[in-house]
Amino acid sequence: MPKMIVSIDGVVIKEVQLTKDRTTLGRRPYNDIVIDNLAVSGEHAVMQMSGAQVFLEDLNSTNGTYVNGKAIKKQLLQNGDTVEIGKYKIKYVHDGAADSFEKTMVINSGAVVGAAEAAAPAAAPVGNAAIRVMSGAAAGREVPLVKVVTTIGKPGVAVAAITRRPHGYVVALVEGAIKPTVNGSAIGTDAVNLRNGDLIELAGTQMQFVQA
């Protein structure tokens, strides 16, 4: 189900599920999404659902409505689009479109880290493996490692890649100043072998590598 995540200065202040055909946004208290700020018009914008699609339309607001930095009159929203109204940012998230297990923690199966890794055999005989989330809202969830490369982490904070190789699985830092740890030991951009039961901590989230 699609939803709008409202934030200001990077702090999330509300989340609103889009359950109706028409969801209004504005400063007046009768709107479905109320933003009490003078930069927001009384009736600023409306989101209209058409099947699985959501259209955002500006209602001739004083300060305008922006999507990904561009002023719009009416636009079809895509998963991850950021709507900007004054100092407020409203992220459009469609639950069925994002492979995520927390608001900001993303596991992206199939991301290519390098040509050499991408060329690795997809069916290497190393057994089935998965990442089990140990902390946070998604604790207990397992994400199978079905691709050659799977990236985990929070973009802009810390991202690591787990790569399947003929001899097994390895993990390495891709980006970020905060280094992930494996069993308490920090790792960098050099690949580290993973063994069944290894504990990985990345950007404040604890995970366990499990292999059949």
Protein backbone atom coordinates (compact mmCIF):
# COMPACT_ATOMS: atom_id res chain seq x y z
CA MET A 1 0.00 0.00 0.00
CA PRO A 2 1.48 3.39 -0.95
CA LYS A 3 2.30 5.90 1.76
CA MET A 4 3.73 9.36 2.22
CA ILE A 5 6.53 9.95 4.76
CA VAL A 6 6.64 13.60 5.88
CA SER A 7 9.93 14.99 7.22
CA ILE A 8 11.61 18.30 7.95
CA ASP A 9 15.37 18.73 8.32
CA GLY A 10 15.75 14.97 8.01
CA VAL A 11 13.39 14.19 10.92
CA VAL A 12 10.29 12.14 10.10
CA ILE A 13 7.21 13.73 11.66
CA LYS A 14 4.42 11.59 10.24
CA GLU A 15 3.55 8.75 7.90
CA VAL A 16 0.24 8.59 6.04
CA GLN A 17 -1.09 5.52 4.23
CA LEU A 18 -2.86 6.37 0.96
CA THR A 19 -6.08 4.38 1.37
CA LYS A 20 -8.55 6.68 -0.41
CA ASP A 21 -9.01 7.58 -4.06
CA ARG A 22 -8.38 11.21 -3.14
CA THR A 23 -6.00 12.38 -0.38
CA THR A 24 -5.66 16.12 0.25
CA LEU A 25 -2.65 17.95 1.67
CA GLY A 26 -2.63 21.44 3.12
CA ARG A 27 -2.53 23.74 6.16
CA ARG A 28 -6.27 23.61 6.94
CA PRO A 29 -7.26 21.02 9.60
CA TYR A 30 -9.78 19.26 7.34
CA ASN A 31 -7.05 17.97 4.99
CA ASP A 32 -6.03 14.30 5.11
CA ILE A 33 -2.37 15.35 5.52
CA VAL A 34 -2.17 18.52 7.61
CA ILE A 35 1.05 20.56 7.60
CA ASP A 36 0.61 23.56 9.84
CA ASN A 37 3.13 25.92 8.27
CA LEU A 38 2.66 29.27 6.56
CA ALA A 39 4.63 28.05 3.54
CA VAL A 40 1.84 25.53 2.92
CA SER A 41 -1.41 26.74 1.37
CA GLY A 42 -4.76 25.95 2.99
CA GLU A 43 -5.49 23.47 0.21
CA HIS A 44 -2.06 22.87 -1.28
CA ALA A 45 -2.13 19.62 -3.26
CA VAL A 46 -4.08 16.42 -3.79
CA MET A 47 -3.03 12.82 -4.44
CA GLN A 48 -5.37 10.76 -6.58
CA MET A 49 -5.16 6.98 -6.80
CA SER A 50 -5.95 5.27 -10.07
CA GLY A 51 -5.47 1.55 -9.64
CA ALA A 52 -1.86 1.10 -8.53
CA GLN A 53 -0.89 4.58 -9.72
CA VAL A 54 -0.84 7.78 -7.66
CA PHE A 55 -1.02 11.20 -9.29
CA LEU A 56 0.03 14.34 -7.41
CA GLU A 57 -1.65 17.62 -8.43
CA ASP A 58 -0.85 21.11 -7.20
CA LEU A 59 -4.02 23.07 -6.30
CA ASN A 60 -2.76 26.48 -7.43
CA SER A 61 -0.78 26.81 -4.20
CA THR A 62 1.06 30.02 -3.34
CA ASN A 63 4.55 28.51 -3.10
CA GLY A 64 4.15 25.61 -5.51
CA THR A 65 4.69 21.86 -5.29
CA TYR A 66 7.98 20.26 -6.29
CA VAL A 67 8.87 16.65 -7.12
CA ASN A 68 12.57 15.80 -7.02
CA GLY A 69 13.39 19.50 -7.21
CA LYS A 70 11.15 20.36 -10.18
CA ALA A 71 7.93 22.37 -9.99
CA ILE A 72 4.91 20.35 -11.12
CA LYS A 73 1.26 20.91 -11.87
CA LYS A 74 0.27 17.25 -12.08
CA GLN A 75 2.59 14.26 -12.10
CA LEU A 76 2.54 10.48 -11.72
CA LEU A 77 4.55 9.56 -8.63
CA GLN A 78 7.22 6.86 -8.76
CA ASN A 79 8.45 4.87 -5.78
CA GLY A 80 11.09 6.94 -3.95
CA ASP A 81 10.01 10.32 -5.35
CA THR A 82 10.47 13.24 -2.96
CA VAL A 83 7.74 15.88 -2.87
CA GLU A 84 8.93 19.25 -1.57
CA ILE A 85 6.57 21.83 -0.07
CA GLY A 86 8.36 24.70 1.67
CA LYS A 87 10.93 23.18 4.01
CA TYR A 88 9.00 19.92 4.19
CA LYS A 89 9.96 16.82 2.26
CA ILE A 90 7.42 14.08 1.64
CA LYS A 91 8.75 10.78 0.34
CA TYR A 92 6.42 8.60 -1.71
CA VAL A 93 6.90 4.92 -0.91
CA HIS A 94 5.03 2.06 -2.53
CA ASP A 95 5.47 -0.99 -0.27
CA GLY A 96 5.26 -3.46 -3.13
CA ALA A 97 7.92 -1.68 -5.15
CA ALA A 98 10.78 -1.41 -2.66
CA ASP A 99 12.81 -4.36 -1.47
CA SER A 100 13.40 -2.99 2.00
CA PHE A 101 13.11 -4.31 5.52
CA GLU A 102 13.31 -1.03 7.41
CA LYS A 103 12.61 2.60 6.55
CA THR A 104 16.22 3.19 5.60
CA MET A 105 17.84 -0.24 5.66
CA VAL A 106 17.87 -1.66 2.14
CA ILE A 107 18.88 -5.04 0.80
CA ASN A 108 19.34 -4.89 -2.95
CA SER A 109 19.72 -8.27 -4.60
CA GLY A 110 21.59 -8.28 -7.85
CA ALA A 111 23.46 -4.99 -7.55
CA VAL A 112 26.66 -5.14 -9.57
CA VAL A 113 29.72 -4.04 -7.62
CA GLY A 114 32.27 -4.82 -10.31
CA ALA A 115 32.56 -6.59 -13.63
CA ALA A 116 34.73 -9.33 -12.15
CA GLU A 117 32.15 -10.09 -9.48
CA ALA A 118 29.28 -9.99 -11.96
CA ALA A 119 31.02 -12.56 -14.09
CA ALA A 120 31.10 -15.08 -11.24
CA PRO A 121 28.97 -18.17 -11.90
CA ALA A 122 25.40 -17.69 -10.70
CA ALA A 123 25.06 -21.29 -9.60
CA ALA A 124 28.27 -21.75 -7.68
CA PRO A 125 28.04 -24.92 -5.56
CA VAL A 126 28.41 -23.23 -2.20
CA GLY A 127 25.04 -24.05 -0.65
CA ASN A 128 22.06 -21.86 0.11
CA ALA A 129 22.65 -18.83 2.32
CA ALA A 130 20.68 -15.96 3.79
CA ILE A 131 20.97 -12.89 5.98
CA ARG A 132 18.87 -13.02 9.17
CA VAL A 133 18.00 -9.65 10.68
CA MET A 134 18.71 -9.72 14.43
CA SER A 135 17.70 -6.21 15.53
CA GLY A 136 15.31 -3.41 14.64
CA ALA A 137 11.74 -3.49 13.38
CA ALA A 138 12.42 -6.40 11.03
CA ALA A 139 14.16 -8.67 13.56
CA GLY A 140 13.69 -12.31 12.61
CA ARG A 141 13.30 -11.72 8.88
CA GLU A 142 15.53 -13.73 6.58
CA VAL A 143 16.61 -12.49 3.16
CA PRO A 144 17.91 -15.27 0.86
CA LEU A 145 21.17 -14.53 -0.97
CA VAL A 146 19.98 -15.63 -4.39
CA LYS A 147 22.09 -13.32 -6.57
CA VAL A 148 25.81 -13.14 -7.21
CA VAL A 149 26.01 -9.81 -5.38
CA THR A 150 23.65 -8.52 -2.68
CA THR A 151 24.15 -5.08 -1.17
CA ILE A 152 23.04 -4.28 2.36
CA GLY A 153 23.04 -1.09 4.40
CA LYS A 154 21.87 2.49 4.49
CA PRO A 155 22.81 4.54 1.40
CA GLY A 156 24.79 7.60 2.43
CA VAL A 157 25.72 6.02 5.78
CA ALA A 158 27.26 2.62 5.11
CA VAL A 159 26.76 0.03 2.37
CA ALA A 160 28.37 -3.40 2.16
CA ALA A 161 28.26 -6.09 -0.51
CA ILE A 162 27.96 -9.83 0.05
CA THR A 163 29.32 -11.69 -2.97
CA ARG A 164 28.96 -15.37 -3.83
CA ARG A 165 32.20 -16.92 -5.03
CA PRO A 166 33.03 -20.52 -5.98
CA HIS A 167 34.53 -21.17 -2.54
CA GLY A 168 31.80 -19.42 -0.53
CA TYR A 169 30.54 -15.98 0.42
CA VAL A 170 32.55 -12.83 1.17
CA VAL A 171 31.59 -9.39 2.48
CA ALA A 172 33.26 -6.02 1.89
CA LEU A 173 32.54 -2.34 2.46
CA VAL A 174 31.26 -0.50 -0.62
CA GLU A 175 30.73 3.02 0.70
CA GLY A 176 30.41 4.97 3.92
CA ALA A 177 32.57 6.21 6.76
CA ILE A 178 31.10 3.74 9.26
CA LYS A 179 32.81 0.39 8.82
CA PRO A 180 30.72 -2.76 9.25
CA THR A 181 31.91 -5.43 11.65
CA VAL A 182 32.01 -9.21 11.42
CA ASN A 183 32.00 -10.85 14.85
CA GLY A 184 33.08 -7.52 16.31
CA SER A 185 36.02 -6.92 13.96
CA ALA A 186 35.80 -3.95 11.59
CA ILE A 187 36.16 -4.66 7.88
CA GLY A 188 37.07 -2.41 4.96
CA THR A 189 36.98 -2.67 1.18
CA ASP A 190 38.99 -5.92 1.22
CA ALA A 191 36.69 -8.94 1.06
CA VAL A 192 36.34 -11.05 4.21
CA ASN A 193 35.17 -14.67 4.12
CA LEU A 194 31.83 -15.40 5.78
CA ARG A 195 31.07 -18.54 7.77
CA ASN A 196 27.77 -19.92 8.98
CA GLY A 197 26.68 -18.05 12.12
CA ASP A 198 28.87 -14.97 11.60
CA LEU A 199 27.38 -11.82 13.12
CA ILE A 200 27.43 -8.70 10.95
CA GLU A 201 26.72 -5.22 12.28
CA LEU A 202 26.13 -2.43 9.78
CA ALA A 203 24.82 1.09 10.41
CA GLY A 204 23.36 0.07 13.76
CA THR A 205 21.61 -3.06 12.51
CA GLN A 206 22.72 -6.54 13.55
CA MET A 207 22.46 -9.42 11.10
CA GLN A 208 23.55 -13.05 11.04
CA PHE A 209 24.94 -14.91 8.04
CA VAL A 210 23.37 -18.37 7.82
CA GLN A 211 24.38 -21.04 5.32
CA ALA A 212 22.89 -24.46 4.75
